[in-house]
Amino acid sequence: MAARIYSPAKTAMQSGRAKTNGFILEFELASPRRIEPLMGYTSSSDTRQQVRLRFDTLEQAKAYCEKHSIAYSVQLPQEQRRRRASYSDNFAFNRKQPWTH
Protein backbone atom coordinates (compact mmCIF):
# COMPACT_ATOMS: atom_id res chain seq x y z
CA MET A 1 0.00 0.00 0.00
CA ALA A 2 1.77 3.12 -1.25
CA ALA A 3 0.62 6.72 -1.22
CA ARG A 4 1.55 9.96 -2.92
CA ILE A 5 1.67 13.32 -1.14
CA TYR A 6 1.51 16.44 -3.30
CA SER A 7 0.42 20.04 -3.32
CA PRO A 8 -2.43 20.64 -5.80
CA ALA A 9 -1.85 22.92 -8.77
CA LYS A 10 -4.13 25.80 -9.62
CA THR A 11 -6.97 25.05 -11.98
CA ALA A 12 -6.58 26.06 -15.59
CA MET A 13 -10.14 27.35 -15.76
CA GLN A 14 -9.60 30.39 -13.53
CA SER A 15 -6.76 32.70 -12.68
CA GLY A 16 -7.22 32.44 -8.91
CA ARG A 17 -5.20 30.23 -6.60
CA ALA A 18 -8.06 28.84 -4.48
CA LYS A 19 -7.64 25.33 -3.07
CA THR A 20 -3.91 25.27 -3.82
CA ASN A 21 -2.70 25.58 -0.24
CA GLY A 22 -2.14 22.45 1.78
CA PHE A 23 -1.24 18.93 0.72
CA ILE A 24 -3.23 15.95 -0.58
CA LEU A 25 -2.56 12.28 0.14
CA GLU A 26 -3.73 9.84 -2.54
CA PHE A 27 -3.26 6.08 -2.61
CA GLU A 28 -1.67 4.37 -5.60
CA LEU A 29 -3.59 1.73 -7.57
CA ALA A 30 -3.36 -1.73 -5.97
CA SER A 31 -5.00 -3.51 -8.90
CA PRO A 32 -5.23 -2.47 -12.55
CA ARG A 33 -8.37 -0.92 -13.93
CA ARG A 34 -10.53 -2.94 -16.26
CA ILE A 35 -13.26 -2.20 -18.78
CA GLU A 36 -16.78 -3.37 -17.98
CA PRO A 37 -17.96 -5.58 -20.87
CA LEU A 38 -21.60 -4.46 -20.78
CA MET A 39 -21.39 -0.65 -20.67
CA GLY A 40 -17.73 -0.04 -21.47
CA TYR A 41 -17.04 1.89 -18.25
CA THR A 42 -13.58 1.79 -16.71
CA SER A 43 -13.77 0.32 -13.22
CA SER A 44 -11.54 -0.88 -10.43
CA SER A 45 -12.00 -3.11 -7.41
CA ASP A 46 -9.66 -0.93 -5.35
CA THR A 47 -11.73 1.38 -3.13
CA ARG A 48 -8.70 3.20 -1.70
CA GLN A 49 -8.37 4.91 -5.06
CA GLN A 50 -11.41 7.05 -4.17
CA VAL A 51 -9.86 8.35 -0.92
CA ARG A 52 -8.20 11.79 -0.92
CA LEU A 53 -7.03 13.13 2.42
CA ARG A 54 -6.26 16.84 2.80
CA PHE A 55 -3.65 18.19 5.24
CA ASP A 56 -2.61 21.74 6.07
CA THR A 57 1.11 20.98 6.15
CA LEU A 58 3.50 18.44 4.69
CA GLU A 59 4.58 17.38 8.18
CA GLN A 60 1.00 16.43 9.08
CA ALA A 61 0.70 14.27 5.97
CA LYS A 62 4.02 12.55 6.68
CA ALA A 63 3.05 11.95 10.32
CA TYR A 64 -0.24 10.36 9.23
CA CYS A 65 1.59 7.98 6.87
CA GLU A 66 4.16 7.04 9.49
CA LYS A 67 1.50 6.50 12.16
CA HIS A 68 -0.48 4.13 9.90
CA SER A 69 2.61 2.43 8.33
CA ILE A 70 1.94 3.70 4.83
CA ALA A 71 4.80 3.95 2.36
CA TYR A 72 4.72 7.38 0.74
CA SER A 73 6.44 9.54 -1.82
CA VAL A 74 6.42 13.34 -1.78
CA GLN A 75 6.09 15.54 -4.86
CA LEU A 76 7.00 19.11 -4.00
CA PRO A 77 5.39 21.90 -6.04
CA GLN A 78 7.45 23.53 -8.76
CA GLU A 79 8.34 27.18 -8.55
CA GLN A 80 5.92 29.24 -10.62
CA ARG A 81 7.23 31.42 -13.39
CA ARG A 82 5.63 34.83 -13.39
CA ARG A 83 5.09 36.65 -16.65
CA ARG A 84 4.41 40.32 -16.22
CA ALA A 85 2.91 41.88 -19.31
CA SER A 86 0.34 44.54 -19.79
CA TYR A 87 -2.03 45.28 -22.62
CA SER A 88 -0.05 48.36 -23.61
CA ASP A 89 3.01 46.18 -24.29
CA ASN A 90 1.25 44.94 -27.42
CA PHE A 91 1.62 48.37 -28.99
CA ALA A 92 5.07 49.37 -27.71
CA PHE A 93 7.58 50.81 -30.20
CA ASN A 94 10.40 48.64 -28.91
CA ARG A 95 8.62 45.32 -29.53
CA LYS A 96 10.88 42.44 -30.52
CA GLN A 97 8.35 41.06 -32.99
CA PRO A 98 6.20 43.20 -35.27
CA TRP A 99 2.51 43.36 -34.48
CA THR A 100 0.47 42.16 -37.44
CA HIS A 101 -2.86 40.52 -38.07
C-alpha atoms as a PDB file:
ATOM      1  CA  MET A   1       0.000   0.000   0.000  1.00  0.00           C
ATOM      2  CA  ALA A   2       1.766   3.117  -1.251  1.00  0.00           C
ATOM      3  CA  ALA A   3       0.618   6.722  -1.222  1.00  0.00           C
ATOM      4  CA  ARG A   4       1.549   9.960  -2.920  1.00  0.00           C
ATOM      5  CA  ILE A   5       1.667  13.319  -1.139  1.00  0.00           C
ATOM      6  CA  TYR A   6       1.511  16.436  -3.297  1.00  0.00           C
ATOM      7  CA  SER A   7       0.423  20.041  -3.322  1.00  0.00           C
ATOM      8  CA  PRO A   8      -2.425  20.643  -5.803  1.00  0.00           C
ATOM      9  CA  ALA A   9      -1.852  22.922  -8.774  1.00  0.00           C
ATOM     10  CA  LYS A  10      -4.132  25.802  -9.620  1.00  0.00           C
ATOM     11  CA  THR A  11      -6.966  25.045 -11.979  1.00  0.00           C
ATOM     12  CA  ALA A  12      -6.581  26.063 -15.595  1.00  0.00           C
ATOM     13  CA  MET A  13     -10.140  27.347 -15.760  1.00  0.00           C
ATOM     14  CA  GLN A  14      -9.605  30.388 -13.532  1.00  0.00           C
ATOM     15  CA  SER A  15      -6.755  32.697 -12.680  1.00  0.00           C
ATOM     16  CA  GLY A  16      -7.221  32.437  -8.905  1.00  0.00           C
ATOM     17  CA  ARG A  17      -5.201  30.233  -6.598  1.00  0.00           C
ATOM     18  CA  ALA A  18      -8.058  28.836  -4.483  1.00  0.00           C
ATOM     19  CA  LYS A  19      -7.643  25.326  -3.069  1.00  0.00           C
ATOM     20  CA  THR A  20      -3.908  25.265  -3.817  1.00  0.00           C
ATOM     21  CA  ASN A  21      -2.704  25.580  -0.241  1.00  0.00           C
ATOM     22  CA  GLY A  22      -2.139  22.452   1.784  1.00  0.00           C
ATOM     23  CA  PHE A  23      -1.243  18.927   0.717  1.00  0.00           C
ATOM     24  CA  ILE A  24      -3.226  15.947  -0.576  1.00  0.00           C
ATOM     25  CA  LEU A  25      -2.557  12.281   0.143  1.00  0.00           C
ATOM     26  CA  GLU A  26      -3.729   9.840  -2.545  1.00  0.00           C
ATOM     27  CA  PHE A  27      -3.255   6.082  -2.609  1.00  0.00           C
ATOM     28  CA  GLU A  28      -1.671   4.370  -5.598  1.00  0.00           C
ATOM     29  CA  LEU A  29      -3.588   1.733  -7.566  1.00  0.00           C
ATOM     30  CA  ALA A  30      -3.364  -1.725  -5.973  1.00  0.00           C
ATOM     31  CA  SER A  31      -4.998  -3.512  -8.898  1.00  0.00           C
ATOM     32  CA  PRO A  32      -5.226  -2.470 -12.547  1.00  0.00           C
ATOM     33  CA  ARG A  33      -8.369  -0.919 -13.933  1.00  0.00           C
ATOM     34  CA  ARG A  34     -10.528  -2.938 -16.264  1.00  0.00           C
ATOM     35  CA  ILE A  35     -13.261  -2.200 -18.780  1.00  0.00           C
ATOM     36  CA  GLU A  36     -16.775  -3.370 -17.980  1.00  0.00           C
ATOM     37  CA  PRO A  37     -17.957  -5.577 -20.866  1.00  0.00           C
ATOM     38  CA  LEU A  38     -21.602  -4.459 -20.781  1.00  0.00           C
ATOM     39  CA  MET A  39     -21.391  -0.653 -20.670  1.00  0.00           C
ATOM     40  CA  GLY A  40     -17.733  -0.043 -21.471  1.00  0.00           C
ATOM     41  CA  TYR A  41     -17.036   1.886 -18.253  1.00  0.00           C
ATOM     42  CA  THR A  42     -13.584   1.785 -16.708  1.00  0.00           C
ATOM     43  CA  SER A  43     -13.767   0.324 -13.222  1.00  0.00           C
ATOM     44  CA  SER A  44     -11.538  -0.885 -10.429  1.00  0.00           C
ATOM     45  CA  SER A  45     -11.996  -3.115  -7.407  1.00  0.00           C
ATOM     46  CA  ASP A  46      -9.657  -0.931  -5.353  1.00  0.00           C
ATOM     47  CA  THR A  47     -11.733   1.378  -3.133  1.00  0.00           C
ATOM     48  CA  ARG A  48      -8.699   3.199  -1.699  1.00  0.00           C
ATOM     49  CA  GLN A  49      -8.370   4.914  -5.056  1.00  0.00           C
ATOM     50  CA  GLN A  50     -11.405   7.053  -4.165  1.00  0.00           C
ATOM     51  CA  VAL A  51      -9.862   8.351  -0.922  1.00  0.00           C
ATOM     52  CA  ARG A  52      -8.197  11.786  -0.924  1.00  0.00           C
ATOM     53  CA  LEU A  53      -7.028  13.133   2.417  1.00  0.00           C
ATOM     54  CA  ARG A  54      -6.256  16.837   2.804  1.00  0.00           C
ATOM     55  CA  PHE A  55      -3.654  18.191   5.241  1.00  0.00           C
ATOM     56  CA  ASP A  56      -2.608  21.743   6.074  1.00  0.00           C
ATOM     57  CA  THR A  57       1.115  20.981   6.149  1.00  0.00           C
ATOM     58  CA  LEU A  58       3.503  18.444   4.685  1.00  0.00           C
ATOM     59  CA  GLU A  59       4.583  17.383   8.178  1.00  0.00           C
ATOM     60  CA  GLN A  60       1.003  16.431   9.085  1.00  0.00           C
ATOM     61  CA  ALA A  61       0.699  14.274   5.967  1.00  0.00           C
ATOM     62  CA  LYS A  62       4.016  12.546   6.681  1.00  0.00           C
ATOM     63  CA  ALA A  63       3.053  11.950  10.320  1.00  0.00           C
ATOM     64  CA  TYR A  64      -0.236  10.357   9.231  1.00  0.00           C
ATOM     65  CA  CYS A  65       1.591   7.975   6.872  1.00  0.00           C
ATOM     66  CA  GLU A  66       4.164   7.039   9.491  1.00  0.00           C
ATOM     67  CA  LYS A  67       1.496   6.495  12.164  1.00  0.00           C
ATOM     68  CA  HIS A  68      -0.475   4.128   9.903  1.00  0.00           C
ATOM     69  CA  SER A  69       2.612   2.433   8.333  1.00  0.00           C
ATOM     70  CA  ILE A  70       1.937   3.703   4.827  1.00  0.00           C
ATOM     71  CA  ALA A  71       4.797   3.945   2.362  1.00  0.00           C
ATOM     72  CA  TYR A  72       4.721   7.381   0.738  1.00  0.00           C
ATOM     73  CA  SER A  73       6.444   9.544  -1.819  1.00  0.00           C
ATOM     74  CA  VAL A  74       6.415  13.341  -1.784  1.00  0.00           C
ATOM     75  CA  GLN A  75       6.095  15.538  -4.859  1.00  0.00           C
ATOM     76  CA  LEU A  76       7.003  19.106  -4.003  1.00  0.00           C
ATOM     77  CA  PRO A  77       5.389  21.898  -6.040  1.00  0.00           C
ATOM     78  CA  GLN A  78       7.447  23.529  -8.762  1.00  0.00           C
ATOM     79  CA  GLU A  79       8.335  27.182  -8.549  1.00  0.00           C
ATOM     80  CA  GLN A  80       5.921  29.236 -10.625  1.00  0.00           C
ATOM     81  CA  ARG A  81       7.234  31.424 -13.394  1.00  0.00           C
ATOM     82  CA  ARG A  82       5.626  34.829 -13.394  1.00  0.00           C
ATOM     83  CA  ARG A  83       5.087  36.652 -16.650  1.00  0.00           C
ATOM     84  CA  ARG A  84       4.415  40.321 -16.219  1.00  0.00           C
ATOM     85  CA  ALA A  85       2.909  41.881 -19.313  1.00  0.00           C
ATOM     86  CA  SER A  86       0.339  44.542 -19.794  1.00  0.00           C
ATOM     87  CA  TYR A  87      -2.031  45.284 -22.623  1.00  0.00           C
ATOM     88  CA  SER A  88      -0.053  48.358 -23.614  1.00  0.00           C
ATOM     89  CA  ASP A  89       3.013  46.179 -24.288  1.00  0.00           C
ATOM     90  CA  ASN A  90       1.248  44.941 -27.420  1.00  0.00           C
ATOM     91  CA  PHE A  91       1.618  48.372 -28.993  1.00  0.00           C
ATOM     92  CA  ALA A  92       5.075  49.371 -27.710  1.00  0.00           C
ATOM     93  CA  PHE A  93       7.580  50.812 -30.204  1.00  0.00           C
ATOM     94  CA  ASN A  94      10.399  48.636 -28.906  1.00  0.00           C
ATOM     95  CA  ARG A  95       8.616  45.320 -29.532  1.00  0.00           C
ATOM     96  CA  LYS A  96      10.875  42.436 -30.515  1.00  0.00           C
ATOM     97  CA  GLN A  97       8.354  41.057 -32.989  1.00  0.00           C
ATOM     98  CA  PRO A  98       6.199  43.197 -35.266  1.00  0.00           C
ATOM     99  CA  TRP A  99       2.513  43.362 -34.479  1.00  0.00           C
ATOM    100  CA  THR A 100       0.471  42.157 -37.444  1.00  0.00           C
ATOM    101  CA  HIS A 101      -2.864  40.520 -38.067  1.00  0.00           C
END
